Structures are given as C-alpha cells and as structure tokens.
Amino acid sequence: YHTEIKRFRGDKRLESVLLRNSETGKDQEFKTGGVFIFIGLDPNTQ
C-alpha cells in the first residue's frame, strides 16, 4: 500500500522497479520478472 512507481530500470529488458512509499518517502529497488499496469483504459475517440 501507499506505493508509487518512480522509475523502470533496465537496458534491453526490465530488470527492476524503483518504488516509493508515499507515507515514509523512502525508496525501494524492487526486482521483478515483469510489470503489468492496470490503471485504466481510454478510448481514442476525442
């Protein structure tokens, strides 16, 4: 919880994600095989 994504790191492929705790302000390097982002979908109908 209270976690924000600050940066994706990697050259040819994703290696880690820089996370920040919005309550403490502390950053954390998070190693992961992959990231899936689900924050909404916008139709291209403007």
All heavy atoms as atom14 arrays in JSON, in Angstrom:
{
  "sequence": "YHTEIKRFRGDKRLESVLLRNSETGKDQEFKTGGVFIFIGLDPNTQ",
  "atom14_mask": [
    [1, 1, 1, 1, 1, 1, 1, 1, 1, 1, 1, 1, 0, 0],
    [1, 1, 1, 1, 1, 1, 1, 1, 1, 1, 0, 0, 0, 0],
    [1, 1, 1, 1, 1, 1, 1, 0, 0, 0, 0, 0, 0, 0],
    [1, 1, 1, 1, 1, 1, 1, 1, 1, 0, 0, 0, 0, 0],
    [1, 1, 1, 1, 1, 1, 1, 1, 0, 0, 0, 0, 0, 0],
    [1, 1, 1, 1, 1, 1, 1, 1, 1, 0, 0, 0, 0, 0],
    [1, 1, 1, 1, 1, 1, 1, 1, 1, 1, 1, 0, 0, 0],
    [1, 1, 1, 1, 1, 1, 1, 1, 1, 1, 1, 0, 0, 0],
    [1, 1, 1, 1, 1, 1, 1, 1, 1, 1, 1, 0, 0, 0],
    [1, 1, 1, 1, 0, 0, 0, 0, 0, 0, 0, 0, 0, 0],
    [1, 1, 1, 1, 1, 1, 1, 1, 0, 0, 0, 0, 0, 0],
    [1, 1, 1, 1, 1, 1, 1, 1, 1, 0, 0, 0, 0, 0],
    [1, 1, 1, 1, 1, 1, 1, 1, 1, 1, 1, 0, 0, 0],
    [1, 1, 1, 1, 1, 1, 1, 1, 0, 0, 0, 0, 0, 0],
    [1, 1, 1, 1, 1, 1, 1, 1, 1, 0, 0, 0, 0, 0],
    [1, 1, 1, 1, 1, 1, 0, 0, 0, 0, 0, 0, 0, 0],
    [1, 1, 1, 1, 1, 1, 1, 0, 0, 0, 0, 0, 0, 0],
    [1, 1, 1, 1, 1, 1, 1, 1, 0, 0, 0, 0, 0, 0],
    [1, 1, 1, 1, 1, 1, 1, 1, 0, 0, 0, 0, 0, 0],
    [1, 1, 1, 1, 1, 1, 1, 1, 1, 1, 1, 0, 0, 0],
    [1, 1, 1, 1, 1, 1, 1, 1, 0, 0, 0, 0, 0, 0],
    [1, 1, 1, 1, 1, 1, 0, 0, 0, 0, 0, 0, 0, 0],
    [1, 1, 1, 1, 1, 1, 1, 1, 1, 0, 0, 0, 0, 0],
    [1, 1, 1, 1, 1, 1, 1, 0, 0, 0, 0, 0, 0, 0],
    [1, 1, 1, 1, 0, 0, 0, 0, 0, 0, 0, 0, 0, 0],
    [1, 1, 1, 1, 1, 1, 1, 1, 1, 0, 0, 0, 0, 0],
    [1, 1, 1, 1, 1, 1, 1, 1, 0, 0, 0, 0, 0, 0],
    [1, 1, 1, 1, 1, 1, 1, 1, 1, 0, 0, 0, 0, 0],
    [1, 1, 1, 1, 1, 1, 1, 1, 1, 0, 0, 0, 0, 0],
    [1, 1, 1, 1, 1, 1, 1, 1, 1, 1, 1, 0, 0, 0],
    [1, 1, 1, 1, 1, 1, 1, 1, 1, 0, 0, 0, 0, 0],
    [1, 1, 1, 1, 1, 1, 1, 0, 0, 0, 0, 0, 0, 0],
    [1, 1, 1, 1, 0, 0, 0, 0, 0, 0, 0, 0, 0, 0],
    [1, 1, 1, 1, 0, 0, 0, 0, 0, 0, 0, 0, 0, 0],
    [1, 1, 1, 1, 1, 1, 1, 0, 0, 0, 0, 0, 0, 0],
    [1, 1, 1, 1, 1, 1, 1, 1, 1, 1, 1, 0, 0, 0],
    [1, 1, 1, 1, 1, 1, 1, 1, 0, 0, 0, 0, 0, 0],
    [1, 1, 1, 1, 1, 1, 1, 1, 1, 1, 1, 0, 0, 0],
    [1, 1, 1, 1, 1, 1, 1, 1, 0, 0, 0, 0, 0, 0],
    [1, 1, 1, 1, 0, 0, 0, 0, 0, 0, 0, 0, 0, 0],
    [1, 1, 1, 1, 1, 1, 1, 1, 0, 0, 0, 0, 0, 0],
    [1, 1, 1, 1, 1, 1, 1, 1, 0, 0, 0, 0, 0, 0],
    [1, 1, 1, 1, 1, 1, 1, 0, 0, 0, 0, 0, 0, 0],
    [1, 1, 1, 1, 1, 1, 1, 1, 0, 0, 0, 0, 0, 0],
    [1, 1, 1, 1, 1, 1, 1, 0, 0, 0, 0, 0, 0, 0],
    [1, 1, 1, 1, 1, 1, 1, 1, 1, 0, 0, 0, 0, 0]
  ],
  "atom14_positions": [
    [[0.83, -1.2, 0.0], [0.0, 0.0, 0.0], [0.87, 1.26, 0.0], [2.07, 1.22, 0.3], [-0.91, 0.01, 1.23], [-1.91, -1.13, 1.25], [-1.8, -2.18, 2.16], [-2.98, -1.14, 0.36], [-2.73, -3.21, 2.19], [-3.92, -2.17, 0.38], [-3.78, -3.21, 1.29], [-4.69, -4.23, 1.31], [0.0, 0.0, 0.0], [0.0, 0.0, 0.0]],
    [[0.26, 2.39, -0.31], [0.93, 3.7, -0.34], [2.21, 3.62, -1.18], [3.24, 4.21, -0.84], [1.29, 4.16, 1.1], [0.11, 4.23, 2.01], [-0.89, 5.16, 1.86], [-0.24, 3.46, 3.09], [-1.8, 4.99, 2.81], [-1.43, 3.97, 3.56], [0.0, 0.0, 0.0], [0.0, 0.0, 0.0], [0.0, 0.0, 0.0], [0.0, 0.0, 0.0]],
    [[2.11, 2.91, -2.29], [3.29, 2.67, -3.12], [3.14, 3.3, -4.5], [2.14, 3.08, -5.19], [3.56, 1.17, -3.26], [3.76, 0.61, -1.95], [4.79, 0.91, -4.1], [0.0, 0.0, 0.0], [0.0, 0.0, 0.0], [0.0, 0.0, 0.0], [0.0, 0.0, 0.0], [0.0, 0.0, 0.0], [0.0, 0.0, 0.0], [0.0, 0.0, 0.0]],
    [[4.14, 4.07, -4.9], [4.14, 4.7, -6.21], [5.34, 4.23, -7.02], [6.4, 3.91, -6.46], [4.2, 6.23, -6.07], [3.02, 6.81, -5.31], [3.16, 8.31, -5.12], [4.18, 8.87, -5.57], [2.26, 8.92, -4.51], [0.0, 0.0, 0.0], [0.0, 0.0, 0.0], [0.0, 0.0, 0.0], [0.0, 0.0, 0.0], [0.0, 0.0, 0.0]],
    [[5.17, 4.19, -8.33], [6.25, 3.79, -9.22], [7.0, 5.06, -9.63], [6.41, 6.01, -10.13], [5.71, 3.09, -10.49], [4.72, 1.99, -10.12], [6.87, 2.55, -11.32], [5.28, 0.91, -9.26], [0.0, 0.0, 0.0], [0.0, 0.0, 0.0], [0.0, 0.0, 0.0], [0.0, 0.0, 0.0], [0.0, 0.0, 0.0], [0.0, 0.0, 0.0]],
    [[8.31, 5.06, -9.42], [9.12, 6.24, -9.76], [9.95, 6.04, -11.04], [10.21, 6.99, -11.77], [10.07, 6.59, -8.6], [9.37, 6.84, -7.28], [8.32, 7.93, -7.4], [8.88, 9.29, -7.72], [7.83, 10.34, -7.79], [0.0, 0.0, 0.0], [0.0, 0.0, 0.0], [0.0, 0.0, 0.0], [0.0, 0.0, 0.0], [0.0, 0.0, 0.0]],
    [[10.34, 4.79, -11.31], [11.19, 4.55, -12.47], [11.25, 3.06, -12.8], [11.2, 2.22, -11.9], [12.62, 5.07, -12.19], [13.62, 4.83, -13.32], [15.01, 5.29, -12.9], [15.07, 6.73, -12.7], [15.31, 7.62, -13.67], [15.52, 7.2, -14.91], [15.35, 8.9, -13.39], [0.0, 0.0, 0.0], [0.0, 0.0, 0.0], [0.0, 0.0, 0.0]],
    [[11.32, 2.76, -14.1], [11.59, 1.39, -14.55], [13.05, 1.34, -15.0], [13.5, 2.22, -15.74], [10.68, 1.01, -15.72], [9.23, 0.9, -15.34], [8.34, 1.93, -15.64], [8.74, -0.22, -14.7], [7.01, 1.85, -15.3], [7.4, -0.32, -14.35], [6.54, 0.72, -14.65], [0.0, 0.0, 0.0], [0.0, 0.0, 0.0], [0.0, 0.0, 0.0]],
    [[13.74, 0.31, -14.56], [15.16, 0.21, -14.89], [15.45, -1.05, -15.7], [14.86, -2.1, -15.47], [16.0, 0.23, -13.61], [16.01, 1.6, -12.94], [16.75, 1.6, -11.64], [16.91, 2.97, -11.13], [17.22, 3.27, -9.89], [17.44, 2.31, -9.01], [17.34, 4.54, -9.51], [0.0, 0.0, 0.0], [0.0, 0.0, 0.0], [0.0, 0.0, 0.0]],
    [[16.35, -0.88, -16.62], [16.72, -1.99, -17.49], [17.19, -1.47, -18.83], [16.8, -0.38, -19.25], [0.0, 0.0, 0.0], [0.0, 0.0, 0.0], [0.0, 0.0, 0.0], [0.0, 0.0, 0.0], [0.0, 0.0, 0.0], [0.0, 0.0, 0.0], [0.0, 0.0, 0.0], [0.0, 0.0, 0.0], [0.0, 0.0, 0.0], [0.0, 0.0, 0.0]],
    [[18.01, -2.25, -19.51], [18.52, -1.85, -20.82], [17.64, -2.45, -21.91], [16.71, -1.83, -22.4], [19.97, -2.29, -20.96], [20.6, -1.81, -22.25], [19.99, -0.95, -22.93], [21.69, -2.29, -22.6], [0.0, 0.0, 0.0], [0.0, 0.0, 0.0], [0.0, 0.0, 0.0], [0.0, 0.0, 0.0], [0.0, 0.0, 0.0], [0.0, 0.0, 0.0]],
    [[17.92, -3.69, -22.26], [17.12, -4.35, -23.29], [15.83, -4.94, -22.71], [14.86, -5.13, -23.43], [17.94, -5.45, -23.96], [19.11, -4.91, -24.76], [19.86, -6.04, -25.46], [21.03, -5.47, -26.27], [21.77, -6.56, -26.96], [0.0, 0.0, 0.0], [0.0, 0.0, 0.0], [0.0, 0.0, 0.0], [0.0, 0.0, 0.0], [0.0, 0.0, 0.0]],
    [[15.85, -5.25, -21.42], [14.65, -5.78, -20.75], [14.57, -5.18, -19.35], [15.55, -4.69, -18.8], [14.7, -7.31, -20.64], [14.53, -8.03, -21.97], [14.18, -9.48, -21.73], [12.9, -9.62, -21.03], [11.72, -9.58, -21.64], [11.64, -9.42, -22.93], [10.61, -9.7, -20.93], [0.0, 0.0, 0.0], [0.0, 0.0, 0.0], [0.0, 0.0, 0.0]],
    [[13.36, -5.24, -18.78], [13.14, -4.74, -17.43], [13.96, -5.55, -16.43], [13.98, -6.78, -16.48], [11.65, -4.84, -17.07], [11.29, -4.44, -15.64], [11.39, -2.93, -15.48], [9.89, -4.93, -15.29], [0.0, 0.0, 0.0], [0.0, 0.0, 0.0], [0.0, 0.0, 0.0], [0.0, 0.0, 0.0], [0.0, 0.0, 0.0], [0.0, 0.0, 0.0]],
    [[14.65, -4.84, -15.53], [15.45, -5.51, -14.51], [14.89, -5.24, -13.11], [14.85, -6.13, -12.27], [16.9, -5.04, -14.59], [17.57, -5.43, -15.91], [18.95, -4.83, -16.04], [19.4, -4.14, -15.08], [19.59, -5.04, -17.08], [0.0, 0.0, 0.0], [0.0, 0.0, 0.0], [0.0, 0.0, 0.0], [0.0, 0.0, 0.0], [0.0, 0.0, 0.0]],
    [[14.44, -4.01, -12.88], [13.91, -3.67, -11.56], [13.03, -2.43, -11.65], [13.0, -1.75, -12.67], [15.05, -3.42, -10.56], [15.79, -2.27, -10.94], [0.0, 0.0, 0.0], [0.0, 0.0, 0.0], [0.0, 0.0, 0.0], [0.0, 0.0, 0.0], [0.0, 0.0, 0.0], [0.0, 0.0, 0.0], [0.0, 0.0, 0.0], [0.0, 0.0, 0.0]],
    [[12.33, -2.17, -10.55], [11.44, -1.01, -10.48], [11.78, -0.23, -9.21], [11.95, -0.81, -8.14], [9.95, -1.45, -10.42], [9.04, -0.24, -10.42], [9.63, -2.37, -11.58], [0.0, 0.0, 0.0], [0.0, 0.0, 0.0], [0.0, 0.0, 0.0], [0.0, 0.0, 0.0], [0.0, 0.0, 0.0], [0.0, 0.0, 0.0], [0.0, 0.0, 0.0]],
    [[11.86, 1.1, -9.36], [12.1, 1.94, -8.2], [10.74, 2.33, -7.62], [9.94, 3.0, -8.28], [12.89, 3.19, -8.58], [13.22, 4.14, -7.43], [14.13, 3.46, -6.4], [13.88, 5.42, -7.94], [0.0, 0.0, 0.0], [0.0, 0.0, 0.0], [0.0, 0.0, 0.0], [0.0, 0.0, 0.0], [0.0, 0.0, 0.0], [0.0, 0.0, 0.0]],
    [[10.48, 1.92, -6.37], [9.22, 2.21, -5.69], [9.43, 3.23, -4.59], [10.51, 3.31, -4.0], [8.65, 0.92, -5.07], [8.47, -0.29, -5.99], [7.95, -1.48, -5.18], [7.52, 0.04, -7.12], [0.0, 0.0, 0.0], [0.0, 0.0, 0.0], [0.0, 0.0, 0.0], [0.0, 0.0, 0.0], [0.0, 0.0, 0.0], [0.0, 0.0, 0.0]],
    [[8.39, 4.01, -4.33], [8.46, 4.97, -3.23], [7.23, 4.84, -2.35], [6.1, 4.81, -2.84], [8.55, 6.4, -3.74], [8.54, 7.46, -2.63], [8.87, 8.83, -3.18], [10.24, 8.86, -3.7], [10.75, 9.88, -4.4], [10.0, 10.96, -4.62], [11.99, 9.84, -4.83], [0.0, 0.0, 0.0], [0.0, 0.0, 0.0], [0.0, 0.0, 0.0]],
    [[7.46, 4.76, -1.04], [6.37, 4.74, -0.08], [5.95, 6.18, 0.19], [6.74, 6.99, 0.68], [6.81, 4.06, 1.22], [5.66, 3.9, 2.19], [5.11, 4.87, 2.7], [5.3, 2.65, 2.47], [0.0, 0.0, 0.0], [0.0, 0.0, 0.0], [0.0, 0.0, 0.0], [0.0, 0.0, 0.0], [0.0, 0.0, 0.0], [0.0, 0.0, 0.0]],
    [[4.7, 6.5, -0.17], [4.23, 7.89, -0.07], [4.08, 8.35, 1.38], [4.02, 9.56, 1.63], [2.9, 8.05, -0.8], [1.92, 7.18, -0.26], [0.0, 0.0, 0.0], [0.0, 0.0, 0.0], [0.0, 0.0, 0.0], [0.0, 0.0, 0.0], [0.0, 0.0, 0.0], [0.0, 0.0, 0.0], [0.0, 0.0, 0.0], [0.0, 0.0, 0.0]],
    [[4.01, 7.42, 2.34], [3.9, 7.8, 3.75], [5.26, 8.1, 4.35], [5.43, 9.08, 5.08], [3.22, 6.67, 4.53], [1.72, 6.59, 4.33], [1.06, 5.68, 5.35], [1.65, 4.63, 5.68], [-0.05, 6.01, 5.81], [0.0, 0.0, 0.0], [0.0, 0.0, 0.0], [0.0, 0.0, 0.0], [0.0, 0.0, 0.0], [0.0, 0.0, 0.0]],
    [[6.23, 7.26, 4.05], [7.57, 7.43, 4.64], [8.52, 8.21, 3.74], [9.53, 8.74, 4.21], [8.2, 6.06, 4.94], [8.42, 5.37, 3.69], [7.29, 5.23, 5.81], [0.0, 0.0, 0.0], [0.0, 0.0, 0.0], [0.0, 0.0, 0.0], [0.0, 0.0, 0.0], [0.0, 0.0, 0.0], [0.0, 0.0, 0.0], [0.0, 0.0, 0.0]],
    [[8.2, 8.26, 2.45], [9.09, 8.93, 1.49], [10.31, 8.11, 1.12], [11.18, 8.57, 0.39], [0.0, 0.0, 0.0], [0.0, 0.0, 0.0], [0.0, 0.0, 0.0], [0.0, 0.0, 0.0], [0.0, 0.0, 0.0], [0.0, 0.0, 0.0], [0.0, 0.0, 0.0], [0.0, 0.0, 0.0], [0.0, 0.0, 0.0], [0.0, 0.0, 0.0]],
    [[10.38, 6.87, 1.61], [11.54, 6.02, 1.33], [11.39, 5.31, -0.01], [10.3, 4.89, -0.39], [11.72, 4.99, 2.45], [12.13, 5.61, 3.78], [12.38, 4.53, 4.82], [12.85, 5.13, 6.14], [13.1, 4.08, 7.17], [0.0, 0.0, 0.0], [0.0, 0.0, 0.0], [0.0, 0.0, 0.0], [0.0, 0.0, 0.0], [0.0, 0.0, 0.0]],
    [[12.53, 5.17, -0.72], [12.57, 4.47, -2.0], [13.05, 3.04, -1.8], [13.8, 2.73, -0.86], [13.5, 5.18, -2.98], [12.94, 6.53, -3.43], [11.72, 6.75, -3.23], [13.7, 7.34, -3.96], [0.0, 0.0, 0.0], [0.0, 0.0, 0.0], [0.0, 0.0, 0.0], [0.0, 0.0, 0.0], [0.0, 0.0, 0.0], [0.0, 0.0, 0.0]],
    [[12.6, 2.17, -2.71], [12.97, 0.76, -2.63], [13.19, 0.23, -4.04], [12.41, 0.46, -4.94], [11.86, -0.03, -1.94], [12.05, -1.53, -1.98], [10.84, -2.29, -1.47], [9.88, -1.69, -0.98], [10.85, -3.6, -1.59], [0.0, 0.0, 0.0], [0.0, 0.0, 0.0], [0.0, 0.0, 0.0], [0.0, 0.0, 0.0], [0.0, 0.0, 0.0]],
    [[14.28, -0.48, -4.24], [14.55, -1.14, -5.52], [13.86, -2.5, -5.48], [14.15, -3.33, -4.61], [16.05, -1.33, -5.72], [16.45, -1.71, -7.13], [16.47, -0.51, -8.07], [16.46, 0.64, -7.58], [16.49, -0.72, -9.28], [0.0, 0.0, 0.0], [0.0, 0.0, 0.0], [0.0, 0.0, 0.0], [0.0, 0.0, 0.0], [0.0, 0.0, 0.0]],
    [[12.95, -2.73, -6.41], [12.14, -3.95, -6.4], [12.48, -4.78, -7.64], [12.25, -4.37, -8.77], [10.65, -3.59, -6.41], [9.72, -4.74, -6.18], [9.38, -5.14, -4.9], [9.18, -5.43, -7.26], [8.52, -6.21, -4.69], [8.32, -6.49, -7.07], [7.98, -6.89, -5.77], [0.0, 0.0, 0.0], [0.0, 0.0, 0.0], [0.0, 0.0, 0.0]],
    [[13.04, -5.96, -7.41], [13.38, -6.87, -8.5], [12.13, -7.66, -8.9], [11.42, -8.19, -8.04], [14.47, -7.85, -8.06], [15.81, -7.2, -7.73], [16.56, -6.81, -8.99], [17.95, -6.31, -8.67], [18.71, -5.97, -9.88], [0.0, 0.0, 0.0], [0.0, 0.0, 0.0], [0.0, 0.0, 0.0], [0.0, 0.0, 0.0], [0.0, 0.0, 0.0]],
    [[11.87, -7.73, -10.18], [10.68, -8.45, -10.65], [10.89, -8.97, -12.06], [11.65, -8.39, -12.85], [9.44, -7.55, -10.61], [8.29, -8.28, -11.02], [9.61, -6.34, -11.52], [0.0, 0.0, 0.0], [0.0, 0.0, 0.0], [0.0, 0.0, 0.0], [0.0, 0.0, 0.0], [0.0, 0.0, 0.0], [0.0, 0.0, 0.0], [0.0, 0.0, 0.0]],
    [[10.2, -10.04, -12.38], [10.3, -10.61, -13.73], [9.55, -9.78, -14.74], [9.91, -9.74, -15.93], [0.0, 0.0, 0.0], [0.0, 0.0, 0.0], [0.0, 0.0, 0.0], [0.0, 0.0, 0.0], [0.0, 0.0, 0.0], [0.0, 0.0, 0.0], [0.0, 0.0, 0.0], [0.0, 0.0, 0.0], [0.0, 0.0, 0.0], [0.0, 0.0, 0.0]],
    [[8.48, -9.11, -14.31], [7.68, -8.32, -15.23], [6.68, -7.47, -14.47], [6.34, -7.76, -13.32], [0.0, 0.0, 0.0], [0.0, 0.0, 0.0], [0.0, 0.0, 0.0], [0.0, 0.0, 0.0], [0.0, 0.0, 0.0], [0.0, 0.0, 0.0], [0.0, 0.0, 0.0], [0.0, 0.0, 0.0], [0.0, 0.0, 0.0], [0.0, 0.0, 0.0]],
    [[6.21, -6.39, -15.12], [5.24, -5.48, -14.51], [4.01, -5.39, -15.4], [4.13, -5.24, -16.63], [5.84, -4.07, -14.32], [4.78, -3.11, -13.8], [7.02, -4.12, -13.37], [0.0, 0.0, 0.0], [0.0, 0.0, 0.0], [0.0, 0.0, 0.0], [0.0, 0.0, 0.0], [0.0, 0.0, 0.0], [0.0, 0.0, 0.0], [0.0, 0.0, 0.0]],
    [[2.84, -5.49, -14.79], [1.58, -5.34, -15.51], [0.84, -4.14, -14.93], [0.57, -4.09, -13.73], [0.75, -6.61, -15.38], [1.27, -7.76, -16.21], [2.35, -8.5, -15.76], [0.7, -8.06, -17.43], [2.86, -9.55, -16.53], [1.19, -9.11, -18.2], [2.28, -9.85, -17.75], [0.0, 0.0, 0.0], [0.0, 0.0, 0.0], [0.0, 0.0, 0.0]],
    [[0.53, -3.17, -15.79], [-0.06, -1.91, -15.35], [-1.55, -1.89, -15.69], [-1.93, -2.03, -16.86], [0.65, -0.71, -16.01], [2.15, -0.75, -15.67], [0.03, 0.61, -15.58], [2.98, 0.25, -16.46], [0.0, 0.0, 0.0], [0.0, 0.0, 0.0], [0.0, 0.0, 0.0], [0.0, 0.0, 0.0], [0.0, 0.0, 0.0], [0.0, 0.0, 0.0]],
    [[-2.38, -1.7, -14.68], [-3.84, -1.65, -14.87], [-4.42, -0.45, -14.13], [-4.95, -0.56, -13.03], [-4.49, -2.94, -14.36], [-3.93, -4.18, -14.98], [-3.16, -5.05, -14.23], [-4.16, -4.47, -16.32], [-2.64, -6.2, -14.8], [-3.63, -5.61, -16.89], [-2.87, -6.49, -16.15], [0.0, 0.0, 0.0], [0.0, 0.0, 0.0], [0.0, 0.0, 0.0]],
    [[-4.27, 0.72, -14.75], [-4.78, 1.95, -14.13], [-5.85, 2.61, -14.99], [-6.19, 3.78, -14.8], [-3.63, 2.93, -13.85], [-2.86, 3.26, -15.14], [-2.69, 2.37, -12.8], [-1.81, 4.34, -14.96], [0.0, 0.0, 0.0], [0.0, 0.0, 0.0], [0.0, 0.0, 0.0], [0.0, 0.0, 0.0], [0.0, 0.0, 0.0], [0.0, 0.0, 0.0]],
    [[-6.37, 1.85, -15.94], [-7.47, 2.37, -16.75], [-7.21, 2.29, -18.24], [-6.09, 2.01, -18.69], [0.0, 0.0, 0.0], [0.0, 0.0, 0.0], [0.0, 0.0, 0.0], [0.0, 0.0, 0.0], [0.0, 0.0, 0.0], [0.0, 0.0, 0.0], [0.0, 0.0, 0.0], [0.0, 0.0, 0.0], [0.0, 0.0, 0.0], [0.0, 0.0, 0.0]],
    [[-8.26, 2.53, -18.99], [-8.22, 2.43, -20.45], [-9.0, 3.6, -21.03], [-10.12, 3.88, -20.61], [-8.87, 1.1, -20.88], [-8.6, 0.55, -22.26], [-7.12, 0.18, -22.41], [-9.46, -0.68, -22.5], [0.0, 0.0, 0.0], [0.0, 0.0, 0.0], [0.0, 0.0, 0.0], [0.0, 0.0, 0.0], [0.0, 0.0, 0.0], [0.0, 0.0, 0.0]],
    [[-8.41, 4.28, -21.99], [-9.06, 5.43, -22.61], [-9.31, 5.15, -24.09], [-8.35, 4.87, -24.84], [-8.21, 6.69, -22.48], [-8.07, 7.15, -21.04], [-9.09, 7.11, -20.32], [-6.96, 7.54, -20.65], [0.0, 0.0, 0.0], [0.0, 0.0, 0.0], [0.0, 0.0, 0.0], [0.0, 0.0, 0.0], [0.0, 0.0, 0.0], [0.0, 0.0, 0.0]],
    [[-10.58, 5.24, -24.55], [-10.85, 5.04, -25.97], [-10.32, 6.22, -26.78], [-10.33, 7.36, -26.31], [-12.38, 4.97, -26.03], [-12.82, 5.78, -24.85], [-11.79, 5.54, -23.78], [0.0, 0.0, 0.0], [0.0, 0.0, 0.0], [0.0, 0.0, 0.0], [0.0, 0.0, 0.0], [0.0, 0.0, 0.0], [0.0, 0.0, 0.0], [0.0, 0.0, 0.0]],
    [[-9.85, 5.95, -27.98], [-9.32, 7.0, -28.84], [-10.46, 7.64, -29.62], [-10.61, 7.46, -30.84], [-8.26, 6.42, -29.78], [-7.1, 5.81, -29.03], [-6.62, 6.37, -28.05], [-6.65, 4.64, -29.46], [0.0, 0.0, 0.0], [0.0, 0.0, 0.0], [0.0, 0.0, 0.0], [0.0, 0.0, 0.0], [0.0, 0.0, 0.0], [0.0, 0.0, 0.0]],
    [[-11.28, 8.4, -28.9], [-12.49, 8.98, -29.5], [-12.6, 10.49, -29.31], [-13.67, 11.05, -29.53], [-13.75, 8.32, -28.91], [-13.72, 8.46, -27.47], [-13.84, 6.85, -29.26], [0.0, 0.0, 0.0], [0.0, 0.0, 0.0], [0.0, 0.0, 0.0], [0.0, 0.0, 0.0], [0.0, 0.0, 0.0], [0.0, 0.0, 0.0], [0.0, 0.0, 0.0]],
    [[-11.51, 11.14, -28.95], [-11.58, 12.58, -28.74], [-12.08, 13.3, -30.0], [-12.81, 14.29, -29.91], [-10.2, 13.14, -28.34], [-9.71, 12.7, -26.97], [-9.14, 11.29, -26.95], [-9.02, 10.66, -28.0], [-8.79, 10.81, -25.78], [0.0, 0.0, 0.0], [0.0, 0.0, 0.0], [0.0, 0.0, 0.0], [0.0, 0.0, 0.0], [0.0, 0.0, 0.0]]
  ]
}
